[in-house]
Amino acid sequence: MEGAVVKEALGFHSAHTLTPEAAQNLIRDAARRSLERLDDFAPYTLDAPTLDLTFKNYRPAEGGGLPCRGRT
């Protein structure tokens, strides 16, 4: 993983920041290094999420809980 630190928080409303030009150069250099090491990285994959729905009564479950205007 490559990163580019362009600001450092000092407080809730304040930070030490690089100038836009310096930050852009730092980000560009980090991106270049990352692309040069592309074979060192593997994609991060996630398992498919599951979704469990419960209803207080059966009526929302019959329509998926969504209003169906103009349909019977």
PDB file of N, CA and C in Angstrom:
ATOM      1  N   MET A   1       0.842  -1.169   0.000  1.00  0.00           N
ATOM      2  CA  MET A   1       0.000   0.000   0.000  1.00  0.00           C
ATOM      3  C   MET A   1       0.888   1.232   0.000  1.00  0.00           C
ATOM      4  N   GLU A   2       0.505   2.180  -0.785  1.00  0.00           N
ATOM      5  CA  GLU A   2       1.207   3.456  -0.837  1.00  0.00           C
ATOM      6  C   GLU A   2       0.272   4.546  -0.319  1.00  0.00           C
ATOM      7  N   GLY A   3       0.829   5.537   0.298  1.00  0.00           N
ATOM      8  CA  GLY A   3       0.022   6.631   0.809  1.00  0.00           C
ATOM      9  C   GLY A   3       0.748   7.952   0.655  1.00  0.00           C
ATOM     10  N   ALA A   4      -0.001   9.014   0.775  1.00  0.00           N
ATOM     11  CA  ALA A   4       0.565  10.353   0.693  1.00  0.00           C
ATOM     12  C   ALA A   4      -0.105  11.213   1.764  1.00  0.00           C
ATOM     13  N   VAL A   5       0.631  11.576   2.785  1.00  0.00           N
ATOM     14  CA  VAL A   5       0.093  12.395   3.870  1.00  0.00           C
ATOM     15  C   VAL A   5       0.239  13.862   3.460  1.00  0.00           C
ATOM     16  N   VAL A   6      -0.898  14.521   3.255  1.00  0.00           N
ATOM     17  CA  VAL A   6      -0.868  15.909   2.798  1.00  0.00           C
ATOM     18  C   VAL A   6      -1.338  16.887   3.876  1.00  0.00           C
ATOM     19  N   LYS A   7      -1.864  16.362   4.974  1.00  0.00           N
ATOM     20  CA  LYS A   7      -2.240  17.247   6.085  1.00  0.00           C
ATOM     21  C   LYS A   7      -2.164  16.482   7.392  1.00  0.00           C
ATOM     22  N   GLU A   8      -1.943  17.225   8.468  1.00  0.00           N
ATOM     23  CA  GLU A   8      -1.856  16.647   9.806  1.00  0.00           C
ATOM     24  C   GLU A   8      -2.767  17.453  10.720  1.00  0.00           C
ATOM     25  N   ALA A   9      -3.721  16.771  11.319  1.00  0.00           N
ATOM     26  CA  ALA A   9      -4.691  17.451  12.176  1.00  0.00           C
ATOM     27  C   ALA A   9      -4.021  17.992  13.429  1.00  0.00           C
ATOM     28  N   LEU A  10      -4.387  19.216  13.778  1.00  0.00           N
ATOM     29  CA  LEU A  10      -3.934  19.821  15.028  1.00  0.00           C
ATOM     30  C   LEU A  10      -5.068  19.879  16.035  1.00  0.00           C
ATOM     31  N   GLY A  11      -6.261  20.033  15.542  1.00  0.00           N
ATOM     32  CA  GLY A  11      -7.446  20.132  16.376  1.00  0.00           C
ATOM     33  C   GLY A  11      -8.667  19.895  15.509  1.00  0.00           C
ATOM     34  N   PHE A  12      -9.828  20.178  16.071  1.00  0.00           N
ATOM     35  CA  PHE A  12     -11.079  19.933  15.355  1.00  0.00           C
ATOM     36  C   PHE A  12     -11.192  20.806  14.104  1.00  0.00           C
ATOM     37  N   HIS A  13     -10.696  22.042  14.178  1.00  0.00           N
ATOM     38  CA  HIS A  13     -10.836  22.975  13.067  1.00  0.00           C
ATOM     39  C   HIS A  13      -9.495  23.458  12.515  1.00  0.00           C
ATOM     40  N   SER A  14      -8.402  22.759  12.791  1.00  0.00           N
ATOM     41  CA  SER A  14      -7.107  23.242  12.324  1.00  0.00           C
ATOM     42  C   SER A  14      -6.211  22.080  11.920  1.00  0.00           C
ATOM     43  N   ALA A  15      -5.300  22.380  10.986  1.00  0.00           N
ATOM     44  CA  ALA A  15      -4.387  21.351  10.502  1.00  0.00           C
ATOM     45  C   ALA A  15      -3.166  22.011   9.872  1.00  0.00           C
ATOM     46  N   HIS A  16      -2.049  21.290   9.893  1.00  0.00           N
ATOM     47  CA  HIS A  16      -0.878  21.651   9.097  1.00  0.00           C
ATOM     48  C   HIS A  16      -1.108  21.020   7.734  1.00  0.00           C
ATOM     49  N   THR A  17      -1.041  21.815   6.671  1.00  0.00           N
ATOM     50  CA  THR A  17      -1.270  21.283   5.330  1.00  0.00           C
ATOM     51  C   THR A  17      -0.119  21.665   4.413  1.00  0.00           C
ATOM     52  N   LEU A  18       0.074  20.857   3.400  1.00  0.00           N
ATOM     53  CA  LEU A  18       1.028  21.196   2.351  1.00  0.00           C
ATOM     54  C   LEU A  18       0.357  22.166   1.381  1.00  0.00           C
ATOM     55  N   THR A  19       1.163  22.857   0.620  1.00  0.00           N
ATOM     56  CA  THR A  19       0.585  23.694  -0.430  1.00  0.00           C
ATOM     57  C   THR A  19      -0.054  22.775  -1.461  1.00  0.00           C
ATOM     58  N   PRO A  20      -1.028  23.259  -2.221  1.00  0.00           N
ATOM     59  CA  PRO A  20      -1.647  22.406  -3.239  1.00  0.00           C
ATOM     60  C   PRO A  20      -0.619  21.785  -4.193  1.00  0.00           C
ATOM     61  N   GLU A  21       0.359  22.571  -4.622  1.00  0.00           N
ATOM     62  CA  GLU A  21       1.373  22.046  -5.547  1.00  0.00           C
ATOM     63  C   GLU A  21       2.189  20.929  -4.900  1.00  0.00           C
ATOM     64  N   ALA A  22       2.612  21.123  -3.650  1.00  0.00           N
ATOM     65  CA  ALA A  22       3.392  20.100  -2.948  1.00  0.00           C
ATOM     66  C   ALA A  22       2.551  18.849  -2.714  1.00  0.00           C
ATOM     67  N   ALA A  23       1.278  19.033  -2.354  1.00  0.00           N
ATOM     68  CA  ALA A  23       0.392  17.885  -2.130  1.00  0.00           C
ATOM     69  C   ALA A  23       0.183  17.111  -3.423  1.00  0.00           C
ATOM     70  N   GLN A  24      -0.020  17.822  -4.531  1.00  0.00           N
ATOM     71  CA  GLN A  24      -0.209  17.154  -5.819  1.00  0.00           C
ATOM     72  C   GLN A  24       1.022  16.352  -6.208  1.00  0.00           C
ATOM     73  N   ASN A  25       2.204  16.927  -5.998  1.00  0.00           N
ATOM     74  CA  ASN A  25       3.442  16.209  -6.315  1.00  0.00           C
ATOM     75  C   ASN A  25       3.595  14.966  -5.460  1.00  0.00           C
ATOM     76  N   LEU A  26       3.267  15.074  -4.168  1.00  0.00           N
ATOM     77  CA  LEU A  26       3.373  13.928  -3.263  1.00  0.00           C
ATOM     78  C   LEU A  26       2.400  12.821  -3.669  1.00  0.00           C
ATOM     79  N   ILE A  27       1.165  13.196  -3.994  1.00  0.00           N
ATOM     80  CA  ILE A  27       0.166  12.215  -4.429  1.00  0.00           C
ATOM     81  C   ILE A  27       0.595  11.574  -5.742  1.00  0.00           C
ATOM     82  N   ARG A  28       1.096  12.383  -6.668  1.00  0.00           N
ATOM     83  CA  ARG A  28       1.545  11.859  -7.964  1.00  0.00           C
ATOM     84  C   ARG A  28       2.686  10.859  -7.783  1.00  0.00           C
ATOM     85  N   ASP A  29       3.644  11.187  -6.909  1.00  0.00           N
ATOM     86  CA  ASP A  29       4.768  10.283  -6.649  1.00  0.00           C
ATOM     87  C   ASP A  29       4.296   8.971  -6.017  1.00  0.00           C
ATOM     88  N   ALA A  30       3.357   9.059  -5.070  1.00  0.00           N
ATOM     89  CA  ALA A  30       2.831   7.848  -4.429  1.00  0.00           C
ATOM     90  C   ALA A  30       2.069   6.991  -5.446  1.00  0.00           C
ATOM     91  N   ALA A  31       1.303   7.622  -6.318  1.00  0.00           N
ATOM     92  CA  ALA A  31       0.576   6.879  -7.354  1.00  0.00           C
ATOM     93  C   ALA A  31       1.555   6.200  -8.304  1.00  0.00           C
ATOM     94  N   ARG A  32       2.627   6.899  -8.670  1.00  0.00           N
ATOM     95  CA  ARG A  32       3.637   6.314  -9.558  1.00  0.00           C
ATOM     96  C   ARG A  32       4.299   5.097  -8.907  1.00  0.00           C
ATOM     97  N   ARG A  33       4.664   5.244  -7.628  1.00  0.00           N
ATOM     98  CA  ARG A  33       5.276   4.104  -6.916  1.00  0.00           C
ATOM     99  C   ARG A  33       4.318   2.928  -6.854  1.00  0.00           C
ATOM    100  N   SER A  34       3.053   3.203  -6.609  1.00  0.00           N
ATOM    101  CA  SER A  34       2.046   2.145  -6.530  1.00  0.00           C
ATOM    102  C   SER A  34       1.911   1.420  -7.857  1.00  0.00           C
ATOM    103  N   LEU A  35       1.869   2.176  -8.950  1.00  0.00           N
ATOM    104  CA  LEU A  35       1.742   1.541 -10.271  1.00  0.00           C
ATOM    105  C   LEU A  35       2.982   0.741 -10.639  1.00  0.00           C
ATOM    106  N   GLU A  36       4.142   1.169 -10.171  1.00  0.00           N
ATOM    107  CA  GLU A  36       5.368   0.411 -10.418  1.00  0.00           C
ATOM    108  C   GLU A  36       5.370  -0.913  -9.670  1.00  0.00           C
ATOM    109  N   ARG A  37       4.612  -1.001  -8.575  1.00  0.00           N
ATOM    110  CA  ARG A  37       4.543  -2.217  -7.764  1.00  0.00           C
ATOM    111  C   ARG A  37       3.214  -2.954  -7.943  1.00  0.00           C
ATOM    112  N   LEU A  38       2.547  -2.749  -9.040  1.00  0.00           N
ATOM    113  CA  LEU A  38       1.213  -3.291  -9.252  1.00  0.00           C
ATOM    114  C   LEU A  38       1.153  -4.806  -9.058  1.00  0.00           C
ATOM    115  N   ASP A  39       2.200  -5.522  -9.450  1.00  0.00           N
ATOM    116  CA  ASP A  39       2.211  -6.986  -9.295  1.00  0.00           C
ATOM    117  C   ASP A  39       2.312  -7.418  -7.838  1.00  0.00           C
ATOM    118  N   ASP A  40       2.694  -6.515  -6.935  1.00  0.00           N
ATOM    119  CA  ASP A  40       2.808  -6.849  -5.509  1.00  0.00           C
ATOM    120  C   ASP A  40       1.456  -6.840  -4.801  1.00  0.00           C
ATOM    121  N   PHE A  41       0.436  -6.317  -5.465  1.00  0.00           N
ATOM    122  CA  PHE A  41      -0.869  -6.165  -4.832  1.00  0.00           C
ATOM    123  C   PHE A  41      -1.851  -7.210  -5.336  1.00  0.00           C
ATOM    124  N   ALA A  42      -2.710  -7.669  -4.435  1.00  0.00           N
ATOM    125  CA  ALA A  42      -3.791  -8.594  -4.796  1.00  0.00           C
ATOM    126  C   ALA A  42      -5.120  -7.895  -4.526  1.00  0.00           C
ATOM    127  N   PRO A  43      -6.127  -8.146  -5.358  1.00  0.00           N
ATOM    128  CA  PRO A  43      -7.424  -7.507  -5.113  1.00  0.00           C
ATOM    129  C   PRO A  43      -8.027  -7.966  -3.790  1.00  0.00           C
ATOM    130  N   TYR A  44      -8.684  -7.059  -3.118  1.00  0.00           N
ATOM    131  CA  TYR A  44      -9.377  -7.356  -1.869  1.00  0.00           C
ATOM    132  C   TYR A  44     -10.799  -7.755  -2.216  1.00  0.00           C
ATOM    133  N   THR A  45     -11.182  -8.945  -1.842  1.00  0.00           N
ATOM    134  CA  THR A  45     -12.524  -9.430  -2.166  1.00  0.00           C
ATOM    135  C   THR A  45     -13.326  -9.648  -0.885  1.00  0.00           C
ATOM    136  N   LEU A  46     -14.616  -9.470  -1.000  1.00  0.00           N
ATOM    137  CA  LEU A  46     -15.530  -9.658   0.118  1.00  0.00           C
ATOM    138  C   LEU A  46     -16.507 -10.776  -0.202  1.00  0.00           C
ATOM    139  N   ASP A  47     -16.961 -11.467   0.815  1.00  0.00           N
ATOM    140  CA  ASP A  47     -18.032 -12.435   0.636  1.00  0.00           C
ATOM    141  C   ASP A  47     -19.324 -11.679   0.358  1.00  0.00           C
ATOM    142  N   ALA A  48     -20.233 -12.317  -0.359  1.00  0.00           N
ATOM    143  CA  ALA A  48     -21.523 -11.692  -0.648  1.00  0.00           C
ATOM    144  C   ALA A  48     -22.272 -11.445   0.656  1.00  0.00           C
ATOM    145  N   PRO A  49     -22.850 -10.261   0.821  1.00  0.00           N
ATOM    146  CA  PRO A  49     -23.583  -9.977   2.053  1.00  0.00           C
ATOM    147  C   PRO A  49     -24.913 -10.724   2.092  1.00  0.00           C
ATOM    148  N   THR A  50     -25.399 -10.952   3.292  1.00  0.00           N
ATOM    149  CA  THR A  50     -26.724 -11.543   3.463  1.00  0.00           C
ATOM    150  C   THR A  50     -27.621 -10.502   4.116  1.00  0.00           C
ATOM    151  N   LEU A  51     -28.903 -10.609   3.838  1.00  0.00           N
ATOM    152  CA  LEU A  51     -29.861  -9.658   4.364  1.00  0.00           C
ATOM    153  C   LEU A  51     -31.036 -10.425   4.940  1.00  0.00           C
ATOM    154  N   ASP A  52     -31.312 -10.200   6.204  1.00  0.00           N
ATOM    155  CA  ASP A  52     -32.455 -10.821   6.866  1.00  0.00           C
ATOM    156  C   ASP A  52     -33.496  -9.744   7.128  1.00  0.00           C
ATOM    157  N   LEU A  53     -34.724  -9.970   6.678  1.00  0.00           N
ATOM    158  CA  LEU A  53     -35.824  -9.044   6.894  1.00  0.00           C
ATOM    159  C   LEU A  53     -36.867  -9.668   7.798  1.00  0.00           C
ATOM    160  N   THR A  54     -37.373  -8.883   8.727  1.00  0.00           N
ATOM    161  CA  THR A  54     -38.494  -9.322   9.557  1.00  0.00           C
ATOM    162  C   THR A  54     -39.557  -8.233   9.510  1.00  0.00           C
ATOM    163  N   PHE A  55     -40.810  -8.630   9.568  1.00  0.00           N
ATOM    164  CA  PHE A  55     -41.929  -7.706   9.527  1.00  0.00           C
ATOM    165  C   PHE A  55     -42.834  -7.960  10.716  1.00  0.00           C
ATOM    166  N   LYS A  56     -43.534  -6.913  11.157  1.00  0.00           N
ATOM    167  CA  LYS A  56     -44.463  -7.065  12.266  1.00  0.00           C
ATOM    168  C   LYS A  56     -45.716  -7.812  11.846  1.00  0.00           C
ATOM    169  N   ASN A  57     -46.071  -7.725  10.572  1.00  0.00           N
ATOM    170  CA  ASN A  57     -47.195  -8.516  10.068  1.00  0.00           C
ATOM    171  C   ASN A  57     -46.884  -8.933   8.637  1.00  0.00           C
ATOM    172  N   TYR A  58     -47.743  -9.717   8.031  1.00  0.00           N
ATOM    173  CA  TYR A  58     -47.445 -10.320   6.745  1.00  0.00           C
ATOM    174  C   TYR A  58     -47.624  -9.364   5.562  1.00  0.00           C
ATOM    175  N   ARG A  59     -48.383  -8.272   5.677  1.00  0.00           N
ATOM    176  CA  ARG A  59     -48.699  -7.416   4.526  1.00  0.00           C
ATOM    177  C   ARG A  59     -47.448  -6.789   3.893  1.00  0.00           C
ATOM    178  N   PRO A  60     -46.521  -6.205   4.656  1.00  0.00           N
ATOM    179  CA  PRO A  60     -45.332  -5.649   3.988  1.00  0.00           C
ATOM    180  C   PRO A  60     -44.499  -6.726   3.294  1.00  0.00           C
ATOM    181  N   ALA A  61     -44.479  -7.919   3.836  1.00  0.00           N
ATOM    182  CA  ALA A  61     -43.696  -8.998   3.243  1.00  0.00           C
ATOM    183  C   ALA A  61     -44.250  -9.393   1.885  1.00  0.00           C
ATOM    184  N   GLU A  62     -45.562  -9.298   1.699  1.00  0.00           N
ATOM    185  CA  GLU A  62     -46.160  -9.666   0.420  1.00  0.00           C
ATOM    186  C   GLU A  62     -45.776  -8.689  -0.691  1.00  0.00           C
ATOM    187  N   GLY A  63     -45.625  -7.437  -0.356  1.00  0.00           N
ATOM    188  CA  GLY A  63     -45.278  -6.426  -1.360  1.00  0.00           C
ATOM    189  C   GLY A  63     -43.828  -6.004  -1.294  1.00  0.00           C
ATOM    190  N   GLY A  64     -43.013  -6.665  -0.526  1.00  0.00           N
ATOM    191  CA  GLY A  64     -41.609  -6.290  -0.390  1.00  0.00           C
ATOM    192  C   GLY A  64     -41.418  -5.041   0.433  1.00  0.00           C
ATOM    193  N   GLY A  65     -42.474  -4.558   1.084  1.00  0.00           N
ATOM    194  CA  GLY A  65     -42.364  -3.374   1.908  1.00  0.00           C
ATOM    195  C   GLY A  65     -42.370  -2.090   1.128  1.00  0.00           C
ATOM    196  N   LEU A  66     -42.570  -2.170  -0.197  1.00  0.00           N
ATOM    197  CA  LEU A  66     -42.561  -0.983  -1.042  1.00  0.00           C
ATOM    198  C   LEU A  66     -43.966  -0.727  -1.586  1.00  0.00           C
ATOM    199  N   PRO A  67     -44.362   0.533  -1.671  1.00  0.00           N
ATOM    200  CA  PRO A  67     -45.666   0.822  -2.254  1.00  0.00           C
ATOM    201  C   PRO A  67     -45.658   0.512  -3.744  1.00  0.00           C
ATOM    202  N   CYS A  68     -46.723  -0.078  -4.228  1.00  0.00           N
ATOM    203  CA  CYS A  68     -46.846  -0.448  -5.639  1.00  0.00           C
ATOM    204  C   CYS A  68     -48.000   0.332  -6.239  1.00  0.00           C
ATOM    205  N   ARG A  69     -47.790   1.551  -6.641  1.00  0.00           N
ATOM    206  CA  ARG A  69     -48.857   2.381  -7.198  1.00  0.00           C
ATOM    207  C   ARG A  69     -49.153   1.928  -8.632  1.00  0.00           C
ATOM    208  N   GLY A  70     -50.437   1.853  -8.953  1.00  0.00           N
ATOM    209  CA  GLY A  70     -50.834   1.509 -10.308  1.00  0.00           C
ATOM    210  C   GLY A  70     -50.715   0.051 -10.649  1.00  0.00           C
ATOM    211  N   ARG A  71     -50.455  -0.780  -9.654  1.00  0.00           N
ATOM    212  CA  ARG A  71     -50.331  -2.218  -9.890  1.00  0.00           C
ATOM    213  C   ARG A  71     -51.300  -2.947  -8.984  1.00  0.00           C
ATOM    214  N   THR A  72     -51.782  -4.058  -9.437  1.00  0.00           N
ATOM    215  CA  THR A  72     -52.668  -4.862  -8.606  1.00  0.00           C
ATOM    216  C   THR A  72     -52.132  -6.271  -8.515  1.00  0.00           C
TER     217      THR A  72
END
